[in-house]
Amino acid sequence: QVQLVESGGGLVQPGGSLRLSCAASGSIFRRYAMGWYRQAPGKQRDMIATFGSGGSTTYADSVKGRFTISRDNAKNTVYLQMNSLTPEDTAVYYCNAKLGLLAFWGQGTQVTVSS
């Protein structure tokens, strides 16, 4: 069992930046593939960035060049640095941990981009 707790969301103006954090419980954090997903009202939950246990990263086209995912295995934490935010980035952002068939989700953190 892995518990994930996101933080760092909030209200930001267009063009601004936020950094989300996801703290994970458990001693085998480094074995998990970690990811960030987001869900806007009335839309499905979409993957936006992943960081594999081997170090590979992937990004959705909509965030490439603006968002950066990173992880600190010593702190059991994964981050999402979000720059050049637009109103279209408004959503609830969820942290995800995967290991084989196991998958865990955080409770989500709201990000609102508005002037």
C-alpha atoms as a PDB file:
ATOM      1  CA  GLN A   1       0.000   0.000   0.000  1.00  0.00           C
ATOM      2  CA  VAL A   2       1.251   3.456  -0.926  1.00  0.00           C
ATOM      3  CA  GLN A   3      -0.242   6.688   0.310  1.00  0.00           C
ATOM      4  CA  LEU A   4       0.244   9.783  -1.809  1.00  0.00           C
ATOM      5  CA  VAL A   5      -0.273  13.345  -0.618  1.00  0.00           C
ATOM      6  CA  GLU A   6      -0.182  16.190  -3.105  1.00  0.00           C
ATOM      7  CA  SER A   7       0.466  19.816  -2.248  1.00  0.00           C
ATOM      8  CA  GLY A   8       1.335  23.069  -3.948  1.00  0.00           C
ATOM      9  CA  GLY A   9      -1.816  23.810  -5.869  1.00  0.00           C
ATOM     10  CA  GLY A  10      -3.558  27.156  -5.815  1.00  0.00           C
ATOM     11  CA  LEU A  11      -4.572  30.192  -7.815  1.00  0.00           C
ATOM     12  CA  VAL A  12      -2.053  31.680 -10.229  1.00  0.00           C
ATOM     13  CA  GLN A  13      -2.242  34.277 -12.962  1.00  0.00           C
ATOM     14  CA  PRO A  14      -1.712  33.357 -16.611  1.00  0.00           C
ATOM     15  CA  GLY A  15       1.990  33.153 -17.352  1.00  0.00           C
ATOM     16  CA  GLY A  16       2.793  32.260 -13.788  1.00  0.00           C
ATOM     17  CA  SER A  17       4.387  29.201 -12.251  1.00  0.00           C
ATOM     18  CA  LEU A  18       3.600  26.619  -9.607  1.00  0.00           C
ATOM     19  CA  ARG A  19       5.419  23.610  -8.245  1.00  0.00           C
ATOM     20  CA  LEU A  20       3.399  20.625  -7.134  1.00  0.00           C
ATOM     21  CA  SER A  21       4.759  18.059  -4.735  1.00  0.00           C
ATOM     22  CA  CYS A  22       3.648  14.518  -4.050  1.00  0.00           C
ATOM     23  CA  ALA A  23       4.938  12.818  -0.936  1.00  0.00           C
ATOM     24  CA  ALA A  24       4.714   9.032  -0.857  1.00  0.00           C
ATOM     25  CA  SER A  25       4.745   6.626   2.038  1.00  0.00           C
ATOM     26  CA  GLY A  26       6.621   3.354   1.918  1.00  0.00           C
ATOM     27  CA  SER A  27      10.194   2.214   1.650  1.00  0.00           C
ATOM     28  CA  ILE A  28      10.223   1.079  -1.987  1.00  0.00           C
ATOM     29  CA  PHE A  29       9.337   4.404  -3.557  1.00  0.00           C
ATOM     30  CA  ARG A  30      12.251   4.157  -5.977  1.00  0.00           C
ATOM     31  CA  ARG A  31      10.708   1.073  -7.601  1.00  0.00           C
ATOM     32  CA  TYR A  32       7.513   2.884  -8.553  1.00  0.00           C
ATOM     33  CA  ALA A  33       6.861   4.674 -11.774  1.00  0.00           C
ATOM     34  CA  MET A  34       5.438   8.045 -10.777  1.00  0.00           C
ATOM     35  CA  GLY A  35       3.154  10.265 -12.758  1.00  0.00           C
ATOM     36  CA  TRP A  36       1.026  13.374 -12.726  1.00  0.00           C
ATOM     37  CA  TYR A  37      -2.450  13.438 -14.197  1.00  0.00           C
ATOM     38  CA  ARG A  38      -5.068  16.137 -14.351  1.00  0.00           C
ATOM     39  CA  GLN A  39      -8.811  16.320 -14.704  1.00  0.00           C
ATOM     40  CA  ALA A  40     -10.737  19.400 -15.712  1.00  0.00           C
ATOM     41  CA  PRO A  41     -14.489  19.694 -14.987  1.00  0.00           C
ATOM     42  CA  GLY A  42     -16.486  17.509 -17.344  1.00  0.00           C
ATOM     43  CA  LYS A  43     -13.388  15.948 -18.873  1.00  0.00           C
ATOM     44  CA  GLN A  44     -11.515  12.691 -18.441  1.00  0.00           C
ATOM     45  CA  ARG A  45      -8.388  12.338 -16.372  1.00  0.00           C
ATOM     46  CA  ASP A  46      -5.347  12.661 -18.610  1.00  0.00           C
ATOM     47  CA  MET A  47      -1.691  11.838 -18.116  1.00  0.00           C
ATOM     48  CA  ILE A  48       0.538  14.871 -18.328  1.00  0.00           C
ATOM     49  CA  ALA A  49       3.933  13.621 -17.122  1.00  0.00           C
ATOM     50  CA  THR A  50       5.562  10.403 -15.953  1.00  0.00           C
ATOM     51  CA  PHE A  51       8.901   9.529 -14.417  1.00  0.00           C
ATOM     52  CA  GLY A  52       9.829   5.866 -14.614  1.00  0.00           C
ATOM     53  CA  SER A  53      11.807   3.987 -12.005  1.00  0.00           C
ATOM     54  CA  GLY A  54      14.634   3.775 -14.539  1.00  0.00           C
ATOM     55  CA  GLY A  55      14.739   7.515 -15.026  1.00  0.00           C
ATOM     56  CA  SER A  56      12.812   7.957 -18.249  1.00  0.00           C
ATOM     57  CA  THR A  57      10.275  10.764 -18.538  1.00  0.00           C
ATOM     58  CA  THR A  58       7.306  11.340 -20.800  1.00  0.00           C
ATOM     59  CA  TYR A  59       5.095  14.373 -21.291  1.00  0.00           C
ATOM     60  CA  ALA A  60       1.777  15.117 -22.892  1.00  0.00           C
ATOM     61  CA  ASP A  61       2.140  17.320 -25.935  1.00  0.00           C
ATOM     62  CA  SER A  62       0.097  20.031 -24.248  1.00  0.00           C
ATOM     63  CA  VAL A  63       2.712  20.560 -21.530  1.00  0.00           C
ATOM     64  CA  LYS A  64       6.010  19.809 -23.281  1.00  0.00           C
ATOM     65  CA  GLY A  65       8.488  22.609 -22.799  1.00  0.00           C
ATOM     66  CA  ARG A  66       6.449  24.129 -19.958  1.00  0.00           C
ATOM     67  CA  PHE A  67       6.209  21.414 -17.296  1.00  0.00           C
ATOM     68  CA  THR A  68       9.019  19.374 -15.761  1.00  0.00           C
ATOM     69  CA  ILE A  69       8.616  16.253 -13.660  1.00  0.00           C
ATOM     70  CA  SER A  70      11.326  15.254 -11.210  1.00  0.00           C
ATOM     71  CA  ARG A  71      11.699  12.903  -8.289  1.00  0.00           C
ATOM     72  CA  ASP A  72      13.789  12.698  -5.156  1.00  0.00           C
ATOM     73  CA  ASN A  73      13.964   9.081  -4.070  1.00  0.00           C
ATOM     74  CA  ALA A  74      15.677  10.043  -0.815  1.00  0.00           C
ATOM     75  CA  LYS A  75      12.617  12.126   0.108  1.00  0.00           C
ATOM     76  CA  ASN A  76      10.008   9.804  -1.437  1.00  0.00           C
ATOM     77  CA  THR A  77       8.726  12.790  -3.366  1.00  0.00           C
ATOM     78  CA  VAL A  78       7.876  13.587  -6.950  1.00  0.00           C
ATOM     79  CA  TYR A  79       7.522  17.135  -8.216  1.00  0.00           C
ATOM     80  CA  LEU A  80       5.865  18.887 -11.103  1.00  0.00           C
ATOM     81  CA  GLN A  81       7.269  22.288 -12.025  1.00  0.00           C
ATOM     82  CA  MET A  82       4.716  24.148 -14.094  1.00  0.00           C
ATOM     83  CA  ASN A  83       5.692  27.280 -16.000  1.00  0.00           C
ATOM     84  CA  SER A  84       3.908  29.558 -18.455  1.00  0.00           C
ATOM     85  CA  LEU A  85       0.554  28.480 -17.115  1.00  0.00           C
ATOM     86  CA  THR A  86      -2.600  29.208 -19.098  1.00  0.00           C
ATOM     87  CA  PRO A  87      -6.286  29.010 -18.150  1.00  0.00           C
ATOM     88  CA  GLU A  88      -6.401  25.699 -20.045  1.00  0.00           C
ATOM     89  CA  ASP A  89      -4.161  24.223 -17.346  1.00  0.00           C
ATOM     90  CA  THR A  90      -6.902  24.691 -14.761  1.00  0.00           C
ATOM     91  CA  ALA A  91      -7.736  21.283 -13.316  1.00  0.00           C
ATOM     92  CA  VAL A  92      -7.382  19.003 -10.348  1.00  0.00           C
ATOM     93  CA  TYR A  93      -3.910  17.484 -10.484  1.00  0.00           C
ATOM     94  CA  TYR A  94      -3.387  13.938  -9.250  1.00  0.00           C
ATOM     95  CA  CYS A  95      -0.260  12.049  -8.353  1.00  0.00           C
ATOM     96  CA  ASN A  96      -0.030   8.398  -9.410  1.00  0.00           C
ATOM     97  CA  ALA A  97       2.277   5.552  -8.434  1.00  0.00           C
ATOM     98  CA  LYS A  98       2.513   2.331 -10.440  1.00  0.00           C
ATOM     99  CA  LEU A  99       4.318  -0.921  -9.811  1.00  0.00           C
ATOM    100  CA  GLY A 100       3.317  -3.799 -12.037  1.00  0.00           C
ATOM    101  CA  LEU A 101      -0.447  -4.164 -11.732  1.00  0.00           C
ATOM    102  CA  LEU A 102      -0.591  -1.985  -8.631  1.00  0.00           C
ATOM    103  CA  ALA A 103      -1.646   1.628  -8.960  1.00  0.00           C
ATOM    104  CA  PHE A 104      -2.264   4.261  -6.319  1.00  0.00           C
ATOM    105  CA  TRP A 105      -3.687   7.782  -6.453  1.00  0.00           C
ATOM    106  CA  GLY A 106      -3.455  10.842  -4.321  1.00  0.00           C
ATOM    107  CA  GLN A 107      -6.465  12.934  -3.359  1.00  0.00           C
ATOM    108  CA  GLY A 108      -5.665  15.652  -5.872  1.00  0.00           C
ATOM    109  CA  THR A 109      -4.785  19.320  -5.641  1.00  0.00           C
ATOM    110  CA  GLN A 110      -6.623  22.123  -7.418  1.00  0.00           C
ATOM    111  CA  VAL A 111      -4.751  24.378  -9.806  1.00  0.00           C
ATOM    112  CA  THR A 112      -6.625  27.421 -11.078  1.00  0.00           C
ATOM    113  CA  VAL A 113      -5.100  29.741 -13.650  1.00  0.00           C
ATOM    114  CA  SER A 114      -7.026  32.973 -13.849  1.00  0.00           C
ATOM    115  CA  SER A 115      -6.524  36.707 -13.877  1.00  0.00           C
END
